Protein backbone atom coordinates (compact mmCIF):
# COMPACT_ATOMS: atom_id res chain seq x y z
CA MET A 1 -102.07 33.59 127.97
CA SER A 2 -103.07 36.66 125.97
CA CYS A 3 -99.88 38.69 126.35
CA LEU A 4 -96.61 37.11 127.47
CA ARG A 5 -94.80 39.30 129.99
CA LEU A 6 -91.06 39.09 129.42
CA ALA A 7 -87.88 40.43 131.04
CA ILE A 8 -84.27 40.51 129.88
CA ILE A 9 -81.72 39.68 132.58
CA GLY A 10 -78.44 41.37 131.72
CA GLY A 11 -77.75 44.53 129.75
CA GLY A 12 -74.43 43.68 128.13
CA HIS A 13 -73.74 43.26 124.41
CA LEU A 14 -75.99 40.23 123.98
CA GLY A 15 -78.60 41.52 126.42
CA ARG A 16 -79.03 44.66 124.34
CA ILE A 17 -79.56 42.57 121.20
CA HIS A 18 -82.18 40.50 123.01
CA THR A 19 -83.82 43.69 124.27
CA ARG A 20 -84.12 45.21 120.79
CA LEU A 21 -85.58 42.02 119.30
CA ALA A 22 -87.85 41.14 122.23
CA ALA A 23 -89.54 44.53 121.95
CA GLN A 24 -90.69 43.43 118.47
CA LEU A 25 -92.15 40.05 119.45
CA PRO A 26 -95.90 39.86 118.73
CA ASP A 27 -98.29 39.45 121.67
CA THR A 28 -95.39 39.94 124.06
CA LYS A 29 -94.74 42.75 126.52
CA LEU A 30 -91.19 43.66 127.46
CA VAL A 31 -91.64 44.48 131.15
CA ALA A 32 -88.07 45.48 132.01
CA VAL A 33 -84.36 44.94 131.54
CA VAL A 34 -82.47 43.92 134.67
CA GLU A 35 -79.06 45.59 134.82
CA PRO A 36 -77.29 46.34 138.14
CA ASN A 37 -74.82 48.82 136.64
CA PRO A 38 -76.46 52.28 136.85
CA GLU A 39 -74.68 53.72 133.83
CA ALA A 40 -75.46 50.71 131.64
CA ALA A 41 -79.08 50.73 132.83
CA ALA A 42 -79.45 54.42 131.99
CA ALA A 43 -78.02 53.85 128.51
CA ILE A 44 -80.45 50.98 127.88
CA ALA A 45 -83.43 53.02 129.06
CA ALA A 46 -82.41 55.89 126.80
CA GLU A 47 -81.77 53.70 123.75
CA PHE A 48 -84.83 51.43 123.95
CA GLY A 49 -87.23 53.53 125.99
CA CYS A 50 -87.84 50.67 128.38
CA ARG A 51 -87.95 50.26 132.14
CA THR A 52 -84.82 49.06 133.93
CA VAL A 53 -84.35 47.61 137.41
CA ASP A 54 -81.23 46.60 139.29
CA ASP A 55 -82.54 43.24 140.60
CA PHE A 56 -85.01 40.80 139.08
CA SER A 57 -86.61 40.16 142.48
CA LYS A 58 -88.31 43.55 141.99
CA ILE A 59 -90.28 42.28 138.98
CA ASP A 60 -90.60 38.50 139.43
CA ASN A 61 -94.32 38.91 140.21
CA GLU A 62 -94.80 40.89 137.00
CA ILE A 63 -93.33 38.48 134.44
CA ASP A 64 -94.13 35.10 132.90
CA ALA A 65 -90.79 34.52 131.19
CA ALA A 66 -87.23 35.80 131.09
CA ILE A 67 -84.17 35.71 128.85
CA VAL A 68 -80.99 35.32 130.90
CA ALA A 69 -78.09 37.09 129.16
CA ALA A 70 -76.01 37.75 132.27
CA PRO A 71 -72.37 36.59 132.66
CA THR A 72 -72.03 32.79 132.48
CA PRO A 73 -70.88 32.24 136.10
CA THR A 74 -74.18 33.80 137.29
CA HIS A 75 -76.48 31.67 135.11
CA PHE A 76 -77.14 28.96 137.66
CA GLN A 77 -77.98 31.27 140.57
CA ILE A 78 -80.27 33.45 138.45
CA ALA A 79 -82.01 30.57 136.68
CA ASP A 80 -82.47 28.61 139.90
CA ARG A 81 -84.27 31.54 141.57
CA LEU A 82 -86.45 32.29 138.55
CA LEU A 83 -87.50 28.67 137.99
CA ARG A 84 -88.51 28.46 141.65
CA ARG A 85 -90.80 31.43 140.92
CA ASN A 86 -92.43 29.52 138.02
CA ILE A 87 -90.90 31.67 135.29
CA HIS A 88 -90.12 30.19 131.85
CA LEU A 89 -86.49 30.69 130.84
CA LEU A 90 -84.31 31.13 127.80
CA VAL A 91 -80.77 30.95 129.19
CA GLU A 92 -77.92 32.03 126.96
CA LYS A 93 -75.23 29.47 126.24
CA PRO A 94 -73.68 27.82 128.08
CA ILE A 95 -76.63 26.98 130.28
CA THR A 96 -74.32 26.68 133.32
CA THR A 97 -70.64 26.14 134.01
CA THR A 98 -71.11 22.53 135.19
CA ALA A 99 -73.32 19.58 134.27
CA PRO A 100 -74.62 19.06 137.85
CA GLN A 101 -75.86 22.66 137.88
CA ALA A 102 -77.63 22.06 134.57
CA ASP A 103 -79.20 18.88 136.00
CA ARG A 104 -80.65 20.90 138.85
CA LEU A 105 -82.22 23.44 136.49
CA ILE A 106 -83.66 20.70 134.30
CA ASP A 107 -85.24 19.04 137.35
CA LEU A 108 -86.76 22.33 138.50
CA ALA A 109 -88.21 23.04 135.05
CA ASP A 110 -89.68 19.53 134.83
CA GLN A 111 -91.16 19.70 138.32
CA ASN A 112 -92.84 23.04 137.63
CA GLY A 113 -93.89 22.34 134.05
CA LEU A 114 -91.73 25.18 132.69
CA ILE A 115 -89.92 25.77 129.41
CA LEU A 116 -86.13 25.78 129.79
CA GLN A 117 -84.44 26.76 126.53
CA VAL A 118 -80.72 27.30 125.91
CA GLY A 119 -79.37 29.97 123.58
CA HIS A 120 -77.40 27.84 121.13
CA VAL A 121 -78.35 30.24 118.37
CA GLU A 122 -76.46 28.49 115.55
CA ARG A 123 -79.21 25.86 115.49
CA PHE A 124 -81.34 28.58 113.89
CA ASN A 125 -78.69 29.54 111.34
CA PRO A 126 -80.20 28.97 107.84
CA ALA A 127 -76.94 27.45 106.57
CA PHE A 128 -76.96 24.83 109.31
CA GLU A 129 -80.69 24.17 108.98
CA HIS A 130 -80.26 23.56 105.25
CA SER A 131 -77.18 21.38 105.77
CA ALA A 132 -78.83 19.24 108.45
CA ALA A 133 -81.85 18.68 106.20
CA THR A 134 -79.56 17.79 103.27
CA LEU A 135 -77.39 15.34 105.20
CA PRO A 136 -78.90 14.48 108.61
CA VAL A 137 -76.48 11.60 109.31
CA ALA A 138 -72.79 12.21 110.00
CA ARG A 139 -69.71 10.09 110.65
CA TYR A 140 -66.92 12.69 110.67
CA PHE A 141 -67.04 16.40 111.52
CA ASP A 142 -64.62 19.23 111.08
CA ALA A 143 -65.52 22.56 112.70
CA CYS A 144 -63.56 25.83 112.83
CA ARG A 145 -64.65 28.95 114.72
CA MET A 146 -62.26 31.89 114.98
CA SER A 147 -62.45 35.58 115.76
CA GLY A 148 -60.36 38.47 116.93
CA TYR A 149 -60.18 39.37 120.60
CA THR A 150 -63.42 41.20 121.43
CA PHE A 151 -62.83 41.78 125.18
CA ARG A 152 -66.24 40.18 125.80
CA SER A 153 -66.92 36.97 127.77
CA THR A 154 -63.53 37.23 129.47
CA ASP A 155 -64.98 35.45 132.51
CA ILE A 156 -64.91 32.18 130.53
CA GLY A 157 -62.52 30.58 128.06
CA VAL A 158 -62.89 29.95 124.35
CA VAL A 159 -64.34 26.46 124.91
CA HIS A 160 -67.42 27.85 126.68
CA ASP A 161 -67.40 31.05 124.64
CA LEU A 162 -67.06 29.81 121.03
CA MET A 163 -66.39 26.09 120.72
CA ILE A 164 -69.57 25.16 122.58
CA HIS A 165 -71.58 26.38 119.56
CA ASP A 166 -70.07 23.63 117.42
CA ILE A 167 -70.30 21.08 120.22
CA ASP A 168 -74.05 21.65 120.25
CA LEU A 169 -74.37 21.46 116.46
CA ILE A 170 -72.52 18.15 116.44
CA CYS A 171 -74.61 16.77 119.29
CA SER A 172 -77.80 17.65 117.40
CA LEU A 173 -76.71 15.20 114.68
CA VAL A 174 -75.06 12.50 116.81
CA ASP A 175 -77.31 10.42 119.05
CA SER A 176 -74.49 8.52 120.71
CA PRO A 177 -72.52 8.85 123.97
CA LEU A 178 -69.10 10.48 124.01
CA ILE A 179 -66.39 7.94 124.86
CA GLU A 180 -63.12 9.77 124.31
CA THR A 181 -61.79 13.34 124.34
CA ARG A 182 -58.35 14.62 123.46
CA ALA A 183 -57.64 18.34 123.55
CA VAL A 184 -55.01 21.03 123.81
CA GLY A 185 -55.37 24.73 124.55
CA ILE A 186 -53.49 27.85 125.53
CA SER A 187 -54.29 31.32 126.83
CA VAL A 188 -52.91 34.46 125.25
CA PHE A 189 -54.46 37.45 127.02
CA GLY A 190 -55.94 36.16 130.25
CA PRO A 191 -56.27 33.30 132.74
CA HIS A 192 -58.66 31.31 130.51
CA GLU A 193 -57.84 29.42 127.32
CA ASP A 194 -58.08 31.60 124.18
CA ILE A 195 -57.22 28.88 121.65
CA ALA A 196 -58.33 25.26 121.78
CA GLN A 197 -58.38 22.19 119.57
CA ALA A 198 -60.27 19.01 120.43
CA ARG A 199 -60.93 15.56 119.02
CA LEU A 200 -64.13 13.84 120.13
CA GLU A 201 -65.06 10.22 119.55
CA PHE A 202 -68.55 8.84 120.11
CA SER A 203 -69.57 5.25 120.82
CA ASP A 204 -71.00 4.76 117.31
CA GLY A 205 -67.58 5.59 115.84
CA THR A 206 -68.37 9.19 114.87
CA VAL A 207 -65.34 11.48 115.18
CA ALA A 208 -65.31 15.28 115.41
CA ASN A 209 -62.37 17.67 115.19
CA LEU A 210 -63.01 21.16 116.57
CA THR A 211 -60.85 24.27 116.49
CA ALA A 212 -61.68 27.53 118.24
CA SER A 213 -59.73 30.75 118.69
CA ARG A 214 -60.68 34.21 119.90
CA CYS A 215 -57.34 35.81 119.08
CA SER A 216 -57.13 34.96 115.41
CA PHE A 217 -55.95 37.08 112.48
CA GLU A 218 -59.14 36.19 110.61
CA SER A 219 -62.73 35.28 111.41
CA ALA A 220 -64.39 31.99 110.48
CA ARG A 221 -67.52 30.03 111.34
CA LYS A 222 -67.45 26.84 109.32
CA ILE A 223 -68.56 23.26 109.84
CA SER A 224 -68.48 20.27 107.50
CA TRP A 225 -69.36 16.63 107.85
CA PHE A 226 -69.24 13.36 105.94
CA SER A 227 -71.41 10.24 105.99
CA GLU A 228 -71.67 7.12 103.87
CA ASN A 229 -74.03 9.05 101.61
CA GLY A 230 -72.48 12.43 101.16
CA TYR A 231 -70.61 15.49 102.25
CA VAL A 232 -71.75 18.96 103.28
CA ALA A 233 -69.79 22.11 104.13
CA ALA A 234 -71.55 25.10 105.66
CA ASP A 235 -70.13 28.59 106.01
CA LEU A 236 -72.26 29.83 108.89
CA ALA A 237 -71.08 33.42 108.40
CA THR A 238 -71.85 33.79 104.68
CA GLY A 239 -74.72 31.31 104.37
CA ILE A 240 -73.00 29.37 101.56
CA VAL A 241 -73.47 25.60 101.66
CA ARG A 242 -71.70 23.11 99.38
CA SER A 243 -72.92 19.53 99.29
CA ALA A 244 -72.25 16.38 97.27
CA VAL A 245 -73.91 12.98 97.08
CA VAL A 246 -71.18 10.35 96.96
CA SER A 247 -73.06 7.12 97.57
CA ALA A 248 -72.80 6.08 93.91
CA PHE A 249 -69.09 6.84 93.79
CA ILE A 250 -68.21 4.69 96.79
CA ASN A 251 -70.27 1.79 95.48
CA LYS A 252 -68.03 -1.28 95.34
CA ASP A 253 -68.64 -1.95 91.63
CA LEU A 254 -67.89 1.66 90.67
CA ARG A 255 -64.67 1.62 92.70
CA ARG A 256 -63.53 -1.38 90.74
CA ASP A 257 -64.49 0.34 87.51
CA VAL A 258 -62.45 3.42 88.42
CA ALA A 259 -59.44 1.25 89.20
CA ASP A 260 -59.69 -0.35 85.73
CA LEU A 261 -59.93 2.93 83.78
CA LEU A 262 -57.41 3.61 81.03
CA PRO A 263 -55.22 6.75 81.21
CA HIS A 264 -57.37 8.77 78.80
CA GLN A 265 -60.46 7.74 80.77
CA ASN A 266 -58.79 8.82 84.04
CA LYS A 267 -58.24 12.26 82.55
CA ARG A 268 -61.89 12.60 81.55
CA VAL A 269 -63.11 11.54 84.99
CA ARG A 270 -60.65 13.86 86.70
CA GLU A 271 -61.75 16.85 84.64
CA SER A 272 -65.46 16.20 85.26
CA LEU A 273 -65.17 14.76 88.76
CA PHE A 274 -67.25 17.42 90.51
CA GLU A 275 -69.68 17.87 87.62
CA SER A 276 -70.71 14.33 86.69
CA VAL A 277 -69.15 11.76 89.04
CA LEU A 278 -69.38 13.70 92.31
CA PRO A 279 -71.68 16.62 91.47
CA VAL A 280 -71.28 19.43 93.98
CA GLN A 281 -74.24 21.71 94.60
CA THR A 282 -73.68 25.22 95.94
CA THR A 283 -76.55 26.93 97.76
CA THR A 284 -76.57 30.46 99.12
CA LEU A 285 -79.12 30.95 101.90
CA GLU A 286 -80.88 34.25 102.48
CA PRO A 287 -79.68 35.98 105.67
CA GLN A 288 -82.03 35.65 108.64
CA ASN A 289 -81.87 36.89 112.21
CA ALA A 290 -81.15 33.69 114.12
CA ILE A 291 -81.63 35.31 117.55
CA GLN A 292 -85.05 36.55 116.49
CA LYS A 293 -85.98 33.01 115.37
CA GLU A 294 -84.66 31.66 118.65
CA GLN A 295 -86.82 34.10 120.65
CA GLN A 296 -89.89 33.20 118.61
CA ASP A 297 -89.24 29.50 119.24
CA PHE A 298 -89.11 30.30 122.96
CA VAL A 299 -92.43 32.15 122.90
CA ASP A 300 -94.10 29.46 120.76
CA SER A 301 -92.90 26.74 123.13
CA ILE A 302 -94.44 28.56 126.10
CA ARG A 303 -97.75 29.06 124.31
CA THR A 304 -98.04 25.50 122.94
CA GLY A 305 -96.31 23.53 125.69
CA ARG A 306 -93.97 21.81 123.22
CA GLN A 307 -90.24 21.52 123.88
CA PRO A 308 -88.00 24.16 122.25
CA ARG A 309 -85.52 23.23 119.57
CA VAL A 310 -82.67 23.48 122.10
CA ASP A 311 -83.95 22.38 125.51
CA GLY A 312 -82.16 22.13 128.84
CA ARG A 313 -80.95 18.60 128.21
CA ALA A 314 -79.26 19.64 124.97
CA GLY A 315 -77.58 22.48 126.83
CA ARG A 316 -76.49 20.10 129.56
CA ARG A 317 -74.91 17.69 127.06
CA ALA A 318 -72.90 20.52 125.50
CA VAL A 319 -71.63 21.63 128.92
CA ALA A 320 -70.60 18.07 129.85
CA ILE A 321 -68.61 17.67 126.63
CA ALA A 322 -67.06 21.11 127.07
CA GLN A 323 -65.91 20.04 130.53
CA SER A 324 -64.32 16.89 129.11
CA ILE A 325 -62.37 19.13 126.72
CA LEU A 326 -61.23 21.41 129.55
CA ASP A 327 -60.26 18.38 131.63
CA SER A 328 -58.09 17.10 128.81
CA ILE A 329 -56.51 20.53 128.24
CA SER A 330 -55.67 20.87 131.92
CA LYS A 331 -53.43 17.79 131.89
CA HIS A 332 -51.75 18.25 128.53
CA GLN A 333 -47.96 18.39 128.87
CA TRP A 334 -45.68 20.21 126.45
CA GLN A 335 -42.49 18.50 125.38
CA ASP A 336 -40.41 20.57 127.79
CA GLY A 337 -42.56 19.36 130.68
CA GLN A 338 -44.25 22.71 131.28
CA SER A 339 -47.89 22.48 132.33
CA SER A 340 -48.78 26.19 132.30
CA ARG A 341 -51.05 27.29 129.48
CA VAL A 342 -50.76 31.03 130.12
CA GLY A 343 -49.27 32.95 127.20
CA HIS A 344 -46.68 35.72 127.26
CA GLN A 345 -49.18 38.59 127.44
CA ALA A 346 -50.91 36.99 130.44
CA GLN A 347 -47.55 36.26 132.09
CA ARG A 348 -46.66 39.94 131.84
CA LEU A 349 -49.85 40.68 133.79
CA ASN A 350 -48.98 37.99 136.38
CA LEU A 351 -52.19 36.07 135.65
CA GLN A 352 -52.52 32.52 136.90
CA PRO A 353 -53.02 29.51 134.61
CA PHE A 354 -56.63 28.55 134.01
CA HIS A 355 -57.67 25.60 136.15
CA THR A 356 -60.16 22.82 135.63
CA VAL A 357 -60.97 19.62 137.46
CA PRO A 358 -57.86 17.37 137.33
CA SER A 359 -58.15 14.54 134.86
CA MET A 360 -56.08 12.50 132.44
CA PRO A 361 -55.54 13.89 128.93
CA LYS A 362 -57.39 10.91 127.47
CA ILE A 363 -60.87 11.02 128.96
CA ARG A 364 -63.04 7.91 128.92
CA ALA A 365 -66.73 8.56 129.47
CA ALA A 366 -69.19 6.06 130.82
């Protein structure tokens, strides 16, 4: 394959970013951007000087691969048709809205020998890459992802919009089935949840607490985890990572020694705790364009035949866990017995509560 022929499906905010970066990929030709809205298509053509079409069926014989950046509810239909036409795909997160849909896409890709990658871009974040290399084993996670209301991705809730990033990061470090989910959420501006908090427990005992909000007063993209051997905290927005090796400190003999210290010795240890006993290392990673790295991984996977860093099965696992969170949210009861999770702003607009598949608040997975 001398020159990979590529299309971008969707000309929204993320589609435009993909378009700009894809035009710079080496040995790759950007054939067209698919955007059904005439005004948006005209703006894309003017900005990037590229061809636009209103339906990908008009170019499916001209392309080898596509990046699907269309609205989430359309992912399955678009990806299903493209995979049947033997086109490699990078599908933005979440891969689909349900796990069975993701299973179907995975089967199609396997049957046709195609690359199916999912756009969990935080896997390519230098702060996470460094953290995962520093401490690849985890027993407890704490993740927080917050932003203001952007008026984007309003067709899905915050679990599929933001929290799923951290679900994927956690799954990349935990090779164990999910056995329990507890969650709560509420909408503020629309029919979907805008704030959510979840507690996940895996069969190996690993626990993860996740918080996500898209109507916050401040922005944050942070994740930290502990293991028997250490602790790492990554600020995914600033690239600052703090890590500590604690294996020596939690050694049984040293614990006994600490308990036997005299008062003046306690003071010395306390004052030098994070310098000598539990030395904390702070690393600032150079900024990198994670979407650009993600696109290059996609192209390299097609050319070499290897699996991408985030394949369809990883995307499917994230969707399944996201659904368990939504199931738990849907059955949470407030103390006053109210089951509606629509906030005051949404009530003023007469919007209906977001709905998911009925389930008990405490979800047990096989």
